[in-house]
C-alpha cells in the first residue's frame, strides 16, 4: 500500500458521493507534500495525495513497470473511496505519465475516473531510435543516483533544459528539498517508468472517454508545443515554467477548478 494524505471525511469516507475526489500524483523526486500549496486553493474539494513508489513515505515501496504502479495506486485509493466515487486524476510530469498510462491502457478498471488533468507530461516517444537514446540517458542518471551523493547528482539534474526557467535560488531550494530522497529508490523508479518504456498514449487517451485537459507553463517551450500539437484542450499559465503547480499554485488551482466546474455542472 502506498502512503497517502487525505482530506476525506473520517466519519465514513467510503460512502459514495456525486462530488468528485481529486487525486494528486507528483513527479520524479517529489512527494505528496508538493501539492500542499495547490490544495490550499482547492479546499472546496475532497482530495487524496499519494506518494509514488520510491518517494516520500513510500520510499521503500517499489514497482517494476507502469502496470504495477497503477495497480498500487488503485489498491491505495480503493481503501479510502467507494468504487463508484467520481475521481479527477491530476498528475505532474512522471505522475502525469503514470496517470495517462493508467487511463489510456485501462490500468484503473476499478476506479471511476471522470476527468484527467495532466501537467507537463510526455505522451511518449514514437521512434525506436528516440526510445533507445532515452533509455541510455535514463540508465546513466539511474547509475548516478544509485552510486553518487544525491546532492551532487541533483545539482546536475536541475541543469537539464526542461528546468531552464529556474533561477539559481530556485534550483538551490529544489536541491535542498529533494536531497531527502533515497538515491537507489529514485534510480529504481526512474528505470521502471522510463519514458523509453512508455507507450505513445495520445490517441488511446483521446479514445478513452475520459475528459482530458493539459496544463503547461508559458516558459516551458517543449511542453507548450506538445500541448498545442496534441489536439487536447489545454491551458498555458503565465509566469511559470515546467512545474506550474509549484511556481503558480493559485493559477494552477484556478484552472483545475474551472475544468471541474465545466465538467461536473
Protein backbone atom coordinates (compact mmCIF):
# COMPACT_ATOMS: atom_id res chain seq x y z
CA UNK A 1 0.00 0.00 0.00
CA UNK A 2 1.29 3.44 -0.92
CA UNK A 3 1.35 6.27 1.60
CA UNK A 4 -1.29 8.93 1.06
CA UNK A 5 -2.69 12.07 2.66
CA UNK A 6 -6.43 12.56 2.51
CA UNK A 7 -8.98 15.26 3.29
CA UNK A 8 -11.89 12.81 3.04
CA UNK A 9 -14.38 12.74 5.86
CA UNK A 10 -13.19 10.43 8.61
CA UNK A 11 -16.74 9.50 9.65
CA UNK A 12 -17.46 7.27 6.68
CA UNK A 13 -15.06 8.00 3.85
CA UNK A 14 -16.21 5.15 1.60
CA UNK A 15 -19.81 6.36 1.32
CA UNK A 16 -20.23 7.24 -2.37
CA UNK A 17 -20.85 10.84 -3.29
CA UNK A 18 -21.63 12.71 -6.50
CA UNK A 19 -18.87 15.17 -5.67
CA UNK A 20 -15.52 14.32 -7.27
CA UNK A 21 -12.42 13.46 -5.27
CA UNK A 22 -9.16 14.98 -6.53
CA UNK A 23 -6.26 12.51 -6.65
CA UNK A 24 -2.79 14.06 -6.99
CA UNK A 25 0.29 12.26 -8.37
CA UNK A 26 3.66 14.04 -8.05
CA UNK A 27 6.71 13.98 -10.31
CA UNK A 28 10.05 12.18 -10.06
CA UNK A 29 11.95 13.18 -6.90
CA UNK A 30 8.78 14.70 -5.43
CA UNK A 31 6.20 13.64 -2.85
CA UNK A 32 2.60 14.27 -1.86
CA UNK A 33 3.82 17.37 0.01
CA UNK A 34 4.45 19.06 -3.35
CA UNK A 35 0.70 19.59 -3.78
CA UNK A 36 0.14 21.29 -0.43
CA UNK A 37 0.15 24.86 -1.74
CA UNK A 38 -2.18 23.98 -4.60
CA UNK A 39 -4.51 22.18 -2.25
CA UNK A 40 -4.98 25.28 -0.10
CA UNK A 41 -6.70 26.86 -3.13
CA UNK A 42 -8.88 23.78 -3.73
CA UNK A 43 -10.42 23.32 -0.30
CA UNK A 44 -13.94 23.05 -1.72
CA UNK A 45 -12.99 19.57 -2.94
CA UNK A 46 -12.01 16.42 -1.10
CA UNK A 47 -8.61 15.15 -2.15
CA UNK A 48 -6.04 12.39 -1.81
CA UNK A 49 -2.32 13.00 -2.35
CA UNK A 50 -0.26 9.88 -3.00
CA UNK A 51 3.45 9.22 -2.52
CA UNK A 52 4.51 7.21 -5.57
CA UNK A 53 6.76 4.13 -5.16
CA UNK A 54 10.31 5.06 -4.19
CA UNK A 55 9.28 8.51 -2.98
CA UNK A 56 8.33 10.24 0.26
CA UNK A 57 6.77 7.89 2.80
CA UNK A 58 6.53 5.24 0.04
CA UNK A 59 10.31 5.25 -0.41
CA UNK A 60 10.57 1.56 0.50
CA UNK A 61 7.81 0.57 -1.94
CA UNK A 62 8.84 -0.33 -5.46
CA UNK A 63 7.36 -1.31 -8.81
CA UNK A 64 8.77 -2.89 -11.94
CA UNK A 65 6.65 -1.17 -14.58
CA UNK A 66 3.72 1.17 -15.22
CA UNK A 67 1.12 -1.58 -14.73
CA UNK A 68 2.39 -2.43 -11.24
CA UNK A 69 2.47 1.26 -10.30
CA UNK A 70 -1.13 1.75 -11.45
CA UNK A 71 -2.21 -1.33 -9.51
CA UNK A 72 -0.63 0.09 -6.35
CA UNK A 73 -2.41 3.41 -6.88
CA UNK A 74 -5.74 1.62 -7.37
CA UNK A 75 -5.26 -0.51 -4.25
CA UNK A 76 -4.42 2.60 -2.21
CA UNK A 77 -7.46 4.54 -3.42
CA UNK A 78 -9.96 1.70 -3.00
CA UNK A 79 -9.21 1.54 0.73
CA UNK A 80 -10.40 5.13 1.02
CA UNK A 81 -13.17 5.73 -1.51
CA UNK A 82 -16.16 3.84 -2.81
CA UNK A 83 -15.69 2.16 -6.22
CA UNK A 84 -18.17 4.46 -7.96
CA UNK A 85 -16.83 7.70 -6.46
CA UNK A 86 -16.03 10.16 -9.30
CA UNK A 87 -12.30 10.89 -9.48
CA UNK A 88 -10.42 13.78 -11.02
CA UNK A 89 -6.89 12.48 -11.54
CA UNK A 90 -4.20 15.19 -11.53
CA UNK A 91 -0.63 14.25 -12.43
CA UNK A 92 2.59 16.22 -12.85
CA UNK A 93 5.45 15.07 -15.12
CA UNK A 94 6.11 11.43 -14.08
CA UNK A 95 2.77 11.46 -12.22
CA UNK A 96 1.13 12.73 -15.40
CA UNK A 97 2.68 9.96 -17.47
CA UNK A 98 1.53 7.33 -14.98
CA UNK A 99 -1.97 8.85 -14.92
CA UNK A 100 -2.17 8.94 -18.73
CA UNK A 101 -0.91 5.36 -18.98
CA UNK A 102 -3.50 4.15 -16.49
CA UNK A 103 -6.34 5.90 -18.31
CA UNK A 104 -5.22 5.15 -21.87
CA UNK A 105 -4.44 1.46 -21.28
CA UNK A 106 -7.30 0.84 -18.82
CA UNK A 107 -5.00 0.05 -15.90
CA UNK A 108 -7.51 1.61 -13.48
CA UNK A 109 -10.57 -0.60 -14.23
CA UNK A 110 -11.93 -0.39 -10.67
CA UNK A 111 -11.76 3.40 -10.46
CA UNK A 112 -14.39 5.83 -11.74
CA UNK A 113 -12.01 8.35 -13.32
CA UNK A 114 -14.16 11.08 -14.83
CA UNK A 115 -11.50 13.64 -15.61
CA UNK A 116 -7.75 13.70 -16.18
CA UNK A 117 -5.62 16.81 -15.73
CA UNK A 118 -2.03 16.44 -16.93
CA UNK A 119 0.71 18.95 -16.11
CA UNK A 120 3.88 18.73 -18.17
CA UNK A 121 3.53 15.03 -19.01
CA UNK A 122 5.08 13.50 -22.13
CA UNK A 123 2.71 11.46 -24.32
CA UNK A 124 5.53 9.11 -25.28
CA UNK A 125 8.20 8.55 -27.91
CA UNK A 126 7.49 7.20 -31.38
CA UNK A 127 10.73 6.01 -32.97
CA UNK A 128 12.93 3.20 -31.69
CA UNK A 129 15.96 5.49 -32.01
CA UNK A 130 14.35 8.03 -29.67
CA UNK A 131 13.45 5.30 -27.20
CA UNK A 132 16.96 3.85 -27.20
CA UNK A 133 18.53 7.27 -26.71
CA UNK A 134 16.19 7.98 -23.80
CA UNK A 135 16.84 4.57 -22.24
CA UNK A 136 20.60 5.15 -22.41
CA UNK A 137 20.16 8.60 -20.86
CA UNK A 138 17.90 7.34 -18.05
CA UNK A 139 20.30 4.48 -17.33
CA UNK A 140 23.15 6.96 -16.91
CA UNK A 141 21.11 9.02 -14.46
CA UNK A 142 19.96 5.88 -12.59
CA UNK A 143 23.58 4.75 -12.22
CA UNK A 144 24.50 8.14 -10.80
CA UNK A 145 21.52 8.26 -8.41
CA UNK A 146 22.36 4.81 -7.09
CA UNK A 147 26.11 5.39 -6.66
CA UNK A 148 26.86 9.09 -6.05
CA UNK A 149 25.92 11.55 -3.28
CA UNK A 150 22.42 12.69 -4.15
CA UNK A 151 23.16 16.41 -3.74
CA UNK A 152 25.86 16.10 -6.39
CA UNK A 153 23.52 14.35 -8.84
CA UNK A 154 20.69 16.80 -8.22
CA UNK A 155 22.98 19.75 -8.91
CA UNK A 156 23.43 18.39 -12.45
CA UNK A 157 19.84 17.11 -12.76
CA UNK A 158 18.37 20.59 -12.40
CA UNK A 159 20.67 21.93 -15.13
CA UNK A 160 18.68 19.99 -17.74
CA UNK A 161 16.89 22.01 -20.42
CA UNK A 162 13.43 21.27 -19.05
CA UNK A 163 14.35 23.23 -15.90
CA UNK A 164 15.84 26.19 -17.77
CA UNK A 165 13.23 28.61 -16.40
CA UNK A 166 14.53 28.13 -12.85
CA UNK A 167 16.86 30.75 -11.40
CA UNK A 168 19.82 29.91 -9.15
CA UNK A 169 17.85 30.37 -5.92
CA UNK A 170 15.02 28.12 -7.12
CA UNK A 171 17.50 25.42 -8.13
CA UNK A 172 19.23 25.53 -4.74
CA UNK A 173 15.91 25.23 -2.92
CA UNK A 174 14.95 22.23 -5.02
CA UNK A 175 18.30 20.55 -4.46
CA UNK A 176 17.95 21.01 -0.70
CA UNK A 177 14.36 19.76 -0.73
CA UNK A 178 14.99 16.72 -2.96
CA UNK A 179 18.14 15.61 -1.14
CA UNK A 180 15.97 13.70 1.33
CA UNK A 181 15.29 11.13 -1.39
CA UNK A 182 16.97 7.71 -1.36
CA UNK A 183 19.18 7.57 -4.45
CA UNK A 184 18.67 3.84 -5.09
CA UNK A 185 14.88 4.15 -4.76
CA UNK A 186 14.83 7.04 -7.25
CA UNK A 187 17.03 5.05 -9.64
CA UNK A 188 14.68 2.05 -9.48
CA UNK A 189 11.60 4.17 -10.20
CA UNK A 190 13.37 6.06 -12.96
CA UNK A 191 14.09 2.81 -14.81
CA UNK A 192 10.72 1.18 -14.06
CA UNK A 193 8.83 4.13 -15.56
CA UNK A 194 11.34 5.40 -18.12
CA UNK A 195 9.80 7.33 -20.99
CA UNK A 196 11.58 4.78 -23.20
CA UNK A 197 9.31 2.05 -21.77
CA UNK A 198 6.10 4.06 -22.05
CA UNK A 199 3.60 3.55 -24.88
CA UNK A 200 2.75 6.51 -27.10
CA UNK A 201 -0.52 7.41 -25.38
CA UNK A 202 -2.13 10.37 -27.14
CA UNK A 203 -4.53 8.58 -29.49
CA UNK A 204 -5.55 5.99 -26.88
CA UNK A 205 -6.09 8.83 -24.44
CA UNK A 206 -8.48 10.54 -26.85
CA UNK A 207 -10.42 7.27 -27.30
CA UNK A 208 -10.62 6.60 -23.55
CA UNK A 209 -13.77 8.64 -22.98
CA UNK A 210 -12.11 10.43 -20.05
CA UNK A 211 -12.20 14.23 -20.32
CA UNK A 212 -8.55 15.30 -20.52
CA UNK A 213 -7.07 18.75 -20.02
CA UNK A 214 -3.38 19.68 -20.30
CA UNK A 215 -1.59 22.37 -18.27
CA UNK A 216 1.79 23.87 -19.11
CA UNK A 217 3.78 26.97 -18.20
CA UNK A 218 4.38 29.71 -20.76
CA UNK A 219 8.14 29.46 -20.15
CA UNK A 220 8.12 25.71 -20.84
CA UNK A 221 8.62 25.75 -24.60
CA UNK A 222 8.89 21.99 -25.11
CA UNK A 223 5.68 21.07 -23.32
CA UNK A 224 3.80 24.11 -24.61
CA UNK A 225 4.48 22.81 -28.11
CA UNK A 226 3.39 19.30 -27.14
CA UNK A 227 0.14 20.71 -25.74
CA UNK A 228 -0.54 22.84 -28.81
CA UNK A 229 0.03 19.93 -31.19
CA UNK A 230 -1.91 17.39 -29.12
CA UNK A 231 -5.44 18.41 -30.08
CA UNK A 232 -6.41 18.28 -26.39
CA UNK A 233 -7.88 21.22 -24.53
CA UNK A 234 -5.05 22.95 -22.68
CA UNK A 235 -4.16 25.94 -20.52
CA UNK A 236 -0.89 27.84 -20.62
CA UNK A 237 -0.12 29.50 -17.29
CA UNK A 238 1.75 32.82 -17.22
CA UNK A 239 4.97 33.30 -15.25
CA UNK A 240 5.57 29.56 -14.92
CA UNK A 241 7.99 27.00 -16.32
CA UNK A 242 7.75 23.21 -16.19
CA UNK A 243 6.44 23.00 -12.62
CA UNK A 244 3.33 25.19 -12.75
CA UNK A 245 1.70 23.98 -9.52
CA UNK A 246 4.85 24.89 -7.60
CA UNK A 247 5.57 28.22 -9.28
CA UNK A 248 1.96 29.45 -9.64
CA UNK A 249 -0.21 27.34 -7.29
CA UNK A 250 -3.18 29.73 -7.27
CA UNK A 251 -3.31 29.94 -11.07
CA UNK A 252 -2.95 26.17 -11.33
CA UNK A 253 -5.82 25.66 -8.87
CA UNK A 254 -7.99 28.12 -10.82
CA UNK A 255 -7.51 26.04 -13.98
CA UNK A 256 -8.40 22.85 -12.11
CA UNK A 257 -11.50 24.48 -10.59
CA UNK A 258 -12.68 25.74 -13.98
CA UNK A 259 -12.24 22.30 -15.53
CA UNK A 260 -14.15 20.58 -12.73
CA UNK A 261 -16.99 23.10 -12.81
CA UNK A 262 -17.24 22.80 -16.60
CA UNK A 263 -17.31 19.01 -16.50
CA UNK A 264 -19.50 18.32 -13.46
CA UNK A 265 -22.03 21.19 -13.64
